[in-house]
Amino acid sequence: MPQVRKNRFLAAIYSFLVWGLGEMYAGVTNLKIGIGVILMIFWLFYLVTCFILNVHPLIFALIYILVGCISAIDSYRDADSFNMRIKLEEARRRAPNRCPNCGKEITGNPRFCPNCGYKLVI
């Protein structure tokens, strides 16, 4: 059964709004999911701390946007690499001994196609 691809933009939006949620949505590896949980805990701690200490709204917004953008970019890339891995797995299931790019028969387990140079592994 084919796996469902992750929406890259949805992962980025999730991660921008709630730090770490996009990493959990993309779910490339268990490590990334764990990082997402830690970022969500940090996000919650940041919100509570800022409101208790009555941080200036401009400083609060700048830090929130900066960390949110960095997290969104990371989630976008995670979802993209997840989709690439699924694409490669599907191509190998269809033609396990052929290059998905040029169609040349491949022997062994090379990292790149000997004919066109296409990257066969992630």
C-alpha atoms as a PDB file:
ATOM      1  CA  MET A   1       0.000   0.000   0.000  1.00  0.00           C
ATOM      2  CA  PRO A   2       1.497   3.377  -0.972  1.00  0.00           C
ATOM      3  CA  GLN A   3       2.310   5.833   1.780  1.00  0.00           C
ATOM      4  CA  VAL A   4       0.646   9.226   1.890  1.00  0.00           C
ATOM      5  CA  ARG A   5       2.869  12.142   0.940  1.00  0.00           C
ATOM      6  CA  LYS A   6       3.219  15.046   3.352  1.00  0.00           C
ATOM      7  CA  ASN A   7       2.229  18.552   2.320  1.00  0.00           C
ATOM      8  CA  ARG A   8       5.376  20.689   2.596  1.00  0.00           C
ATOM      9  CA  PHE A   9       3.508  23.981   3.011  1.00  0.00           C
ATOM     10  CA  LEU A  10       1.209  22.568   5.670  1.00  0.00           C
ATOM     11  CA  ALA A  11       4.255  21.315   7.607  1.00  0.00           C
ATOM     12  CA  ALA A  12       5.825  24.785   7.384  1.00  0.00           C
ATOM     13  CA  ILE A  13       2.653  26.540   8.544  1.00  0.00           C
ATOM     14  CA  TYR A  14       2.188  24.120  11.437  1.00  0.00           C
ATOM     15  CA  SER A  15       5.754  24.649  12.535  1.00  0.00           C
ATOM     16  CA  PHE A  16       5.561  28.429  12.244  1.00  0.00           C
ATOM     17  CA  LEU A  17       2.429  28.641  14.399  1.00  0.00           C
ATOM     18  CA  VAL A  18       3.418  26.028  16.989  1.00  0.00           C
ATOM     19  CA  TRP A  19       7.140  25.324  17.089  1.00  0.00           C
ATOM     20  CA  GLY A  20       7.788  21.621  16.561  1.00  0.00           C
ATOM     21  CA  LEU A  21       4.337  20.686  15.270  1.00  0.00           C
ATOM     22  CA  GLY A  22       5.565  20.644  11.671  1.00  0.00           C
ATOM     23  CA  GLU A  23       8.446  18.323  12.572  1.00  0.00           C
ATOM     24  CA  MET A  24       5.964  15.952  14.179  1.00  0.00           C
ATOM     25  CA  TYR A  25       3.688  16.157  11.134  1.00  0.00           C
ATOM     26  CA  ALA A  26       6.512  15.486   8.667  1.00  0.00           C
ATOM     27  CA  GLY A  27       7.778  12.626  10.842  1.00  0.00           C
ATOM     28  CA  VAL A  28      10.879  11.750   8.807  1.00  0.00           C
ATOM     29  CA  THR A  29      12.584   9.884  11.674  1.00  0.00           C
ATOM     30  CA  ASN A  30      11.914   9.207  15.322  1.00  0.00           C
ATOM     31  CA  LEU A  31      14.671  11.681  16.166  1.00  0.00           C
ATOM     32  CA  LYS A  32      12.864  14.465  14.282  1.00  0.00           C
ATOM     33  CA  ILE A  33       9.596  13.601  16.033  1.00  0.00           C
ATOM     34  CA  GLY A  34      11.432  13.808  19.369  1.00  0.00           C
ATOM     35  CA  ILE A  35      12.892  17.176  18.393  1.00  0.00           C
ATOM     36  CA  GLY A  36       9.360  18.300  17.531  1.00  0.00           C
ATOM     37  CA  VAL A  37       8.113  17.318  20.992  1.00  0.00           C
ATOM     38  CA  ILE A  38      11.002  19.163  22.641  1.00  0.00           C
ATOM     39  CA  LEU A  39      10.326  22.265  20.518  1.00  0.00           C
ATOM     40  CA  MET A  40       6.641  22.175  21.476  1.00  0.00           C
ATOM     41  CA  ILE A  41       7.579  22.040  25.163  1.00  0.00           C
ATOM     42  CA  PHE A  42      10.008  24.932  24.616  1.00  0.00           C
ATOM     43  CA  TRP A  43       7.264  26.852  22.761  1.00  0.00           C
ATOM     44  CA  LEU A  44       4.834  26.413  25.644  1.00  0.00           C
ATOM     45  CA  PHE A  45       7.525  27.395  28.175  1.00  0.00           C
ATOM     46  CA  TYR A  46       8.375  30.481  26.076  1.00  0.00           C
ATOM     47  CA  LEU A  47       4.744  31.630  25.958  1.00  0.00           C
ATOM     48  CA  VAL A  48       4.164  31.171  29.686  1.00  0.00           C
ATOM     49  CA  THR A  49       7.463  32.827  30.609  1.00  0.00           C
ATOM     50  CA  CYS A  50       6.869  35.832  28.356  1.00  0.00           C
ATOM     51  CA  PHE A  51       3.427  36.457  29.780  1.00  0.00           C
ATOM     52  CA  ILE A  52       4.525  36.000  33.390  1.00  0.00           C
ATOM     53  CA  LEU A  53       7.526  38.318  32.961  1.00  0.00           C
ATOM     54  CA  ASN A  54       5.465  40.759  30.892  1.00  0.00           C
ATOM     55  CA  VAL A  55       7.990  40.893  28.039  1.00  0.00           C
ATOM     56  CA  HIS A  56       7.699  43.808  25.617  1.00  0.00           C
ATOM     57  CA  PRO A  57       5.403  42.752  22.717  1.00  0.00           C
ATOM     58  CA  LEU A  58       7.942  43.727  20.037  1.00  0.00           C
ATOM     59  CA  ILE A  59      10.676  41.565  21.551  1.00  0.00           C
ATOM     60  CA  PHE A  60       8.175  38.724  22.002  1.00  0.00           C
ATOM     61  CA  ALA A  61       7.066  38.961  18.357  1.00  0.00           C
ATOM     62  CA  LEU A  62      10.611  39.179  16.958  1.00  0.00           C
ATOM     63  CA  ILE A  63      11.781  36.070  18.800  1.00  0.00           C
ATOM     64  CA  TYR A  64       8.557  34.212  17.963  1.00  0.00           C
ATOM     65  CA  ILE A  65       8.829  35.029  14.248  1.00  0.00           C
ATOM     66  CA  LEU A  66      12.564  34.239  14.075  1.00  0.00           C
ATOM     67  CA  VAL A  67      12.280  30.823  15.714  1.00  0.00           C
ATOM     68  CA  GLY A  68       9.039  30.126  13.830  1.00  0.00           C
ATOM     69  CA  CYS A  69      10.682  30.836  10.455  1.00  0.00           C
ATOM     70  CA  ILE A  70      13.663  28.627  11.237  1.00  0.00           C
ATOM     71  CA  SER A  71      11.363  25.845  12.382  1.00  0.00           C
ATOM     72  CA  ALA A  72       9.133  26.278   9.307  1.00  0.00           C
ATOM     73  CA  ILE A  73      12.097  25.971   6.931  1.00  0.00           C
ATOM     74  CA  ASP A  74      13.253  22.823   8.708  1.00  0.00           C
ATOM     75  CA  SER A  75       9.766  21.283   8.549  1.00  0.00           C
ATOM     76  CA  TYR A  76       9.433  22.141   4.870  1.00  0.00           C
ATOM     77  CA  ARG A  77      12.712  20.351   4.135  1.00  0.00           C
ATOM     78  CA  ASP A  78      11.718  17.381   6.309  1.00  0.00           C
ATOM     79  CA  ALA A  79       8.433  16.929   4.451  1.00  0.00           C
ATOM     80  CA  ASP A  80      10.251  17.284   1.135  1.00  0.00           C
ATOM     81  CA  SER A  81      12.816  14.612   2.038  1.00  0.00           C
ATOM     82  CA  PHE A  82      10.005  12.337   3.284  1.00  0.00           C
ATOM     83  CA  ASN A  83       8.243  12.712  -0.072  1.00  0.00           C
ATOM     84  CA  MET A  84      11.489  12.067  -1.962  1.00  0.00           C
ATOM     85  CA  ARG A  85      12.061   8.874   0.014  1.00  0.00           C
ATOM     86  CA  ILE A  86       8.541   7.670  -0.778  1.00  0.00           C
ATOM     87  CA  LYS A  87       9.047   8.515  -4.448  1.00  0.00           C
ATOM     88  CA  LEU A  88      12.278   6.524  -4.586  1.00  0.00           C
ATOM     89  CA  GLU A  89      10.701   3.552  -2.790  1.00  0.00           C
ATOM     90  CA  GLU A  90       7.782   3.547  -5.226  1.00  0.00           C
ATOM     91  CA  ALA A  91      10.159   3.739  -8.189  1.00  0.00           C
ATOM     92  CA  ARG A  92      12.204   0.832  -6.848  1.00  0.00           C
ATOM     93  CA  ARG A  93       9.069  -1.257  -6.328  1.00  0.00           C
ATOM     94  CA  ARG A  94       8.008  -0.670  -9.922  1.00  0.00           C
ATOM     95  CA  ALA A  95      11.418  -1.354 -11.460  1.00  0.00           C
ATOM     96  CA  PRO A  96      13.880  -2.486  -8.802  1.00  0.00           C
ATOM     97  CA  ASN A  97      16.778  -3.023 -11.223  1.00  0.00           C
ATOM     98  CA  ARG A  98      16.293   0.112 -13.318  1.00  0.00           C
ATOM     99  CA  CYS A  99      17.217   3.760 -12.846  1.00  0.00           C
ATOM    100  CA  PRO A 100      14.056   5.846 -12.208  1.00  0.00           C
ATOM    101  CA  ASN A 101      15.545   8.674 -14.286  1.00  0.00           C
ATOM    102  CA  CYS A 102      16.957   7.067 -17.452  1.00  0.00           C
ATOM    103  CA  GLY A 103      15.601   3.498 -17.251  1.00  0.00           C
ATOM    104  CA  LYS A 104      18.997   1.802 -17.665  1.00  0.00           C
ATOM    105  CA  GLU A 105      19.382  -1.549 -15.941  1.00  0.00           C
ATOM    106  CA  ILE A 106      21.441  -1.368 -12.744  1.00  0.00           C
ATOM    107  CA  THR A 107      23.427  -4.193 -11.195  1.00  0.00           C
ATOM    108  CA  GLY A 108      24.409  -4.283  -7.550  1.00  0.00           C
ATOM    109  CA  ASN A 109      23.457  -1.510  -5.144  1.00  0.00           C
ATOM    110  CA  PRO A 110      25.166   1.699  -6.372  1.00  0.00           C
ATOM    111  CA  ARG A 111      24.481   5.127  -4.901  1.00  0.00           C
ATOM    112  CA  PHE A 112      24.340   6.797  -8.323  1.00  0.00           C
ATOM    113  CA  CYS A 113      23.223   5.577 -11.731  1.00  0.00           C
ATOM    114  CA  PRO A 114      26.322   4.640 -13.774  1.00  0.00           C
ATOM    115  CA  ASN A 115      24.608   5.910 -16.942  1.00  0.00           C
ATOM    116  CA  CYS A 116      23.118   9.300 -16.021  1.00  0.00           C
ATOM    117  CA  GLY A 117      24.477   9.984 -12.515  1.00  0.00           C
ATOM    118  CA  TYR A 118      21.011  10.154 -10.895  1.00  0.00           C
ATOM    119  CA  LYS A 119      21.169   9.817  -7.098  1.00  0.00           C
ATOM    120  CA  LEU A 120      19.581   6.472  -6.192  1.00  0.00           C
ATOM    121  CA  VAL A 121      19.723   6.768  -2.389  1.00  0.00           C
ATOM    122  CA  ILE A 122      18.687   9.490  -0.015  1.00  0.00           C
END
